[in-house]
Structure formats: C-alpha cells, structure tokens
Amino acid sequence: MEAITIYGIKTCGSVQKARKYLESKNLPHEFVDWKTTPLDSSFLEWLIGEVGIEVLLNTKGATYKKLGLKERALSPAQKQQIMLEYPLLIKRPVITYKPSSTSVMQVIVGFDESRLAEVFG
C-alpha cells in the first residue's frame, strides 16, 4: 500500500478514528486539514466522479442544516460549488490510497472500520 491520504478536519471524531486506525496498523499517511488547506476544485470533481455527489455531500451535518440546504432544490453544479465554499459539507473522512497492485487511486468516504480492515488489514 502506498500514498494514503486522509482529508477532513482534525477535530472531527470520524477523522480521528480513521487516523488512529491507520496508526495502529503502522501505515504512514498524510493528513490534509480542510480548515487550513483550501479544497481544490479539480480534486472535488475527481471525487464526485469516483463516488458521486450524493455520497460526498454530508446532509446530516451542522453546516448543511445551518445553511438551510435541505429546503433548497440544488443542481449538482450548485452542490459542487457550495462544497467548494464550505468543505465541511463533505462527509468525512475522505481517504485516498493507491493499492500496490494498481496505479489507480481509490477512495473511501466516511469512517467504516470493516471497510478499512478489508483494504488496509
């Protein structure tokens, strides 16, 4: 396994669990905090292409509710723009990794310990 990166915010419980899991397996990884590192539009487009905008958009979070997005009928392009402006709308953590057997980057969205065990052991 190579090139593991966790994206999110350091105070998020799910991000903390994912980081702790990787550390317990002695798997080196990079952490990108969206509060200090702006989200890149091309990266967001890639993520949407990989997992879909509905998987990425965190409709249960405080930011979604605070912005009143439930009451608005947003197009996919509008959702993408709002996620760029408010990266806390993205379900966390986002984990990218490249298995040794392929050169294709893979993505996991959200903390799912059984999925992490399946991928990382």
C-alpha atoms as a PDB file:
ATOM      1  CA  MET A   1       0.000   0.000   0.000  1.00  0.00           C
ATOM      2  CA  GLU A   2       1.291   3.413  -0.850  1.00  0.00           C
ATOM      3  CA  ALA A   3       0.169   7.041  -0.929  1.00  0.00           C
ATOM      4  CA  ILE A   4      -2.513   7.059   1.782  1.00  0.00           C
ATOM      5  CA  THR A   5      -4.042  10.480   2.435  1.00  0.00           C
ATOM      6  CA  ILE A   6      -6.814  11.395   4.854  1.00  0.00           C
ATOM      7  CA  TYR A   7      -8.796  14.566   4.163  1.00  0.00           C
ATOM      8  CA  GLY A   8     -11.060  16.249   6.687  1.00  0.00           C
ATOM      9  CA  ILE A   9     -10.723  18.339   9.823  1.00  0.00           C
ATOM     10  CA  LYS A  10      -8.617  17.363  12.798  1.00  0.00           C
ATOM     11  CA  THR A  11     -11.419  17.883  15.322  1.00  0.00           C
ATOM     12  CA  CYS A  12     -13.835  15.507  13.541  1.00  0.00           C
ATOM     13  CA  GLY A  13     -14.381  12.285  15.508  1.00  0.00           C
ATOM     14  CA  SER A  14     -14.587  10.138  12.365  1.00  0.00           C
ATOM     15  CA  VAL A  15     -11.330  11.588  11.048  1.00  0.00           C
ATOM     16  CA  GLN A  16      -9.666  10.936  14.403  1.00  0.00           C
ATOM     17  CA  LYS A  17     -10.860   7.305  14.365  1.00  0.00           C
ATOM     18  CA  ALA A  18      -9.528   6.777  10.834  1.00  0.00           C
ATOM     19  CA  ARG A  19      -6.145   8.287  11.703  1.00  0.00           C
ATOM     20  CA  LYS A  20      -5.948   6.182  14.856  1.00  0.00           C
ATOM     21  CA  TYR A  21      -6.812   3.056  12.861  1.00  0.00           C
ATOM     22  CA  LEU A  22      -4.045   3.668  10.307  1.00  0.00           C
ATOM     23  CA  GLU A  23      -1.563   4.473  13.079  1.00  0.00           C
ATOM     24  CA  SER A  24      -2.473   1.219  14.872  1.00  0.00           C
ATOM     25  CA  LYS A  25      -1.560  -0.639  11.664  1.00  0.00           C
ATOM     26  CA  ASN A  26       1.698   1.348  11.345  1.00  0.00           C
ATOM     27  CA  LEU A  27       0.548   2.692   7.985  1.00  0.00           C
ATOM     28  CA  PRO A  28       2.133   6.035   7.141  1.00  0.00           C
ATOM     29  CA  HIS A  29      -0.303   8.582   5.797  1.00  0.00           C
ATOM     30  CA  GLU A  30      -0.627  12.247   5.048  1.00  0.00           C
ATOM     31  CA  PHE A  31      -3.363  14.331   6.655  1.00  0.00           C
ATOM     32  CA  VAL A  32      -4.908  17.313   4.868  1.00  0.00           C
ATOM     33  CA  ASP A  33      -6.997  19.603   7.075  1.00  0.00           C
ATOM     34  CA  TRP A  34      -9.644  21.395   5.028  1.00  0.00           C
ATOM     35  CA  LYS A  35      -9.764  24.190   7.601  1.00  0.00           C
ATOM     36  CA  THR A  36      -6.188  25.184   6.739  1.00  0.00           C
ATOM     37  CA  THR A  37      -5.761  23.834   3.189  1.00  0.00           C
ATOM     38  CA  PRO A  38      -8.322  25.004   0.626  1.00  0.00           C
ATOM     39  CA  LEU A  39     -10.181  22.320  -1.282  1.00  0.00           C
ATOM     40  CA  ASP A  40      -9.059  22.137  -4.913  1.00  0.00           C
ATOM     41  CA  SER A  41     -11.887  22.211  -7.490  1.00  0.00           C
ATOM     42  CA  SER A  42     -10.273  19.586  -9.735  1.00  0.00           C
ATOM     43  CA  PHE A  43      -9.852  17.242  -6.740  1.00  0.00           C
ATOM     44  CA  LEU A  44     -13.515  17.715  -5.820  1.00  0.00           C
ATOM     45  CA  GLU A  45     -14.536  16.969  -9.423  1.00  0.00           C
ATOM     46  CA  TRP A  46     -12.438  13.795  -9.317  1.00  0.00           C
ATOM     47  CA  LEU A  47     -14.031  12.728  -6.011  1.00  0.00           C
ATOM     48  CA  ILE A  48     -17.515  13.310  -7.396  1.00  0.00           C
ATOM     49  CA  GLY A  49     -16.608  11.245 -10.447  1.00  0.00           C
ATOM     50  CA  GLU A  50     -15.364   8.412  -8.224  1.00  0.00           C
ATOM     51  CA  VAL A  51     -18.105   8.188  -5.591  1.00  0.00           C
ATOM     52  CA  GLY A  52     -20.928  10.525  -6.640  1.00  0.00           C
ATOM     53  CA  ILE A  53     -22.031  13.835  -5.221  1.00  0.00           C
ATOM     54  CA  GLU A  54     -24.760  12.303  -3.035  1.00  0.00           C
ATOM     55  CA  VAL A  55     -22.185  10.136  -1.226  1.00  0.00           C
ATOM     56  CA  LEU A  56     -19.901  13.127  -0.652  1.00  0.00           C
ATOM     57  CA  LEU A  57     -22.491  15.657   0.495  1.00  0.00           C
ATOM     58  CA  ASN A  58     -22.999  15.364   4.256  1.00  0.00           C
ATOM     59  CA  THR A  59     -26.704  16.078   4.648  1.00  0.00           C
ATOM     60  CA  LYS A  60     -26.664  15.174   8.350  1.00  0.00           C
ATOM     61  CA  GLY A  61     -24.045  17.701   9.448  1.00  0.00           C
ATOM     62  CA  ALA A  62     -24.459  21.014  11.234  1.00  0.00           C
ATOM     63  CA  THR A  63     -23.167  23.056   8.279  1.00  0.00           C
ATOM     64  CA  TYR A  64     -25.823  21.598   5.953  1.00  0.00           C
ATOM     65  CA  LYS A  65     -28.550  22.482   8.441  1.00  0.00           C
ATOM     66  CA  LYS A  66     -27.089  25.903   9.264  1.00  0.00           C
ATOM     67  CA  LEU A  67     -27.056  26.870   5.575  1.00  0.00           C
ATOM     68  CA  GLY A  68     -30.666  25.713   5.150  1.00  0.00           C
ATOM     69  CA  LEU A  69     -29.764  23.462   2.226  1.00  0.00           C
ATOM     70  CA  LYS A  70     -32.489  20.903   2.924  1.00  0.00           C
ATOM     71  CA  GLU A  71     -35.117  23.412   1.850  1.00  0.00           C
ATOM     72  CA  ARG A  72     -33.318  24.321  -1.385  1.00  0.00           C
ATOM     73  CA  ALA A  73     -33.527  22.377  -4.641  1.00  0.00           C
ATOM     74  CA  LEU A  74     -29.896  22.491  -5.747  1.00  0.00           C
ATOM     75  CA  SER A  75     -28.483  21.262  -9.034  1.00  0.00           C
ATOM     76  CA  PRO A  76     -25.373  19.060  -8.937  1.00  0.00           C
ATOM     77  CA  ALA A  77     -23.303  22.065 -10.104  1.00  0.00           C
ATOM     78  CA  GLN A  78     -24.693  24.196  -7.266  1.00  0.00           C
ATOM     79  CA  LYS A  79     -23.964  21.443  -4.742  1.00  0.00           C
ATOM     80  CA  GLN A  80     -20.397  21.205  -6.032  1.00  0.00           C
ATOM     81  CA  GLN A  81     -19.912  24.975  -5.762  1.00  0.00           C
ATOM     82  CA  ILE A  82     -21.268  25.053  -2.209  1.00  0.00           C
ATOM     83  CA  MET A  83     -18.990  22.144  -1.236  1.00  0.00           C
ATOM     84  CA  LEU A  84     -16.020  24.140  -2.560  1.00  0.00           C
ATOM     85  CA  GLU A  85     -17.063  27.148  -0.494  1.00  0.00           C
ATOM     86  CA  TYR A  86     -17.903  25.058   2.590  1.00  0.00           C
ATOM     87  CA  PRO A  87     -15.684  21.937   2.658  1.00  0.00           C
ATOM     88  CA  LEU A  88     -17.273  20.958   5.981  1.00  0.00           C
ATOM     89  CA  LEU A  89     -20.259  19.872   3.854  1.00  0.00           C
ATOM     90  CA  ILE A  90     -18.189  16.920   2.643  1.00  0.00           C
ATOM     91  CA  LYS A  91     -18.674  13.666   4.524  1.00  0.00           C
ATOM     92  CA  ARG A  92     -15.530  12.838   6.481  1.00  0.00           C
ATOM     93  CA  PRO A  93     -13.047  11.384   6.347  1.00  0.00           C
ATOM     94  CA  VAL A  94     -12.174  11.130   2.687  1.00  0.00           C
ATOM     95  CA  ILE A  95      -9.345   8.611   2.355  1.00  0.00           C
ATOM     96  CA  THR A  96      -7.430   8.186  -0.880  1.00  0.00           C
ATOM     97  CA  TYR A  97      -4.990   5.343  -1.394  1.00  0.00           C
ATOM     98  CA  LYS A  98      -3.160   3.519  -4.127  1.00  0.00           C
ATOM     99  CA  PRO A  99      -3.000  -0.272  -3.761  1.00  0.00           C
ATOM    100  CA  SER A 100       0.358  -1.814  -4.621  1.00  0.00           C
ATOM    101  CA  SER A 101      -1.324  -3.936  -7.296  1.00  0.00           C
ATOM    102  CA  THR A 102      -2.553  -0.969  -9.344  1.00  0.00           C
ATOM    103  CA  SER A 103      -1.672   2.579 -10.252  1.00  0.00           C
ATOM    104  CA  VAL A 104      -5.281   3.713  -9.868  1.00  0.00           C
ATOM    105  CA  MET A 105      -6.125   5.875  -6.856  1.00  0.00           C
ATOM    106  CA  GLN A 106      -9.037   4.559  -4.756  1.00  0.00           C
ATOM    107  CA  VAL A 107     -11.383   6.413  -2.373  1.00  0.00           C
ATOM    108  CA  ILE A 108     -13.183   5.643   0.880  1.00  0.00           C
ATOM    109  CA  VAL A 109     -15.716   8.178   2.200  1.00  0.00           C
ATOM    110  CA  GLY A 110     -16.742   8.106   5.851  1.00  0.00           C
ATOM    111  CA  PHE A 111     -15.397   6.027   8.706  1.00  0.00           C
ATOM    112  CA  ASP A 112     -16.211   2.341   8.309  1.00  0.00           C
ATOM    113  CA  GLU A 113     -13.837   0.171  10.333  1.00  0.00           C
ATOM    114  CA  SER A 114     -14.777  -3.023   8.487  1.00  0.00           C
ATOM    115  CA  ARG A 115     -14.022  -1.351   5.148  1.00  0.00           C
ATOM    116  CA  LEU A 116     -10.686  -0.066   6.467  1.00  0.00           C
ATOM    117  CA  ALA A 117      -9.844  -3.580   7.706  1.00  0.00           C
ATOM    118  CA  GLU A 118     -10.740  -5.001   4.299  1.00  0.00           C
ATOM    119  CA  VAL A 119      -8.482  -2.518   2.489  1.00  0.00           C
ATOM    120  CA  PHE A 120      -5.619  -1.987   4.946  1.00  0.00           C
ATOM    121  CA  GLY A 121      -5.682  -5.179   7.030  1.00  0.00           C
END
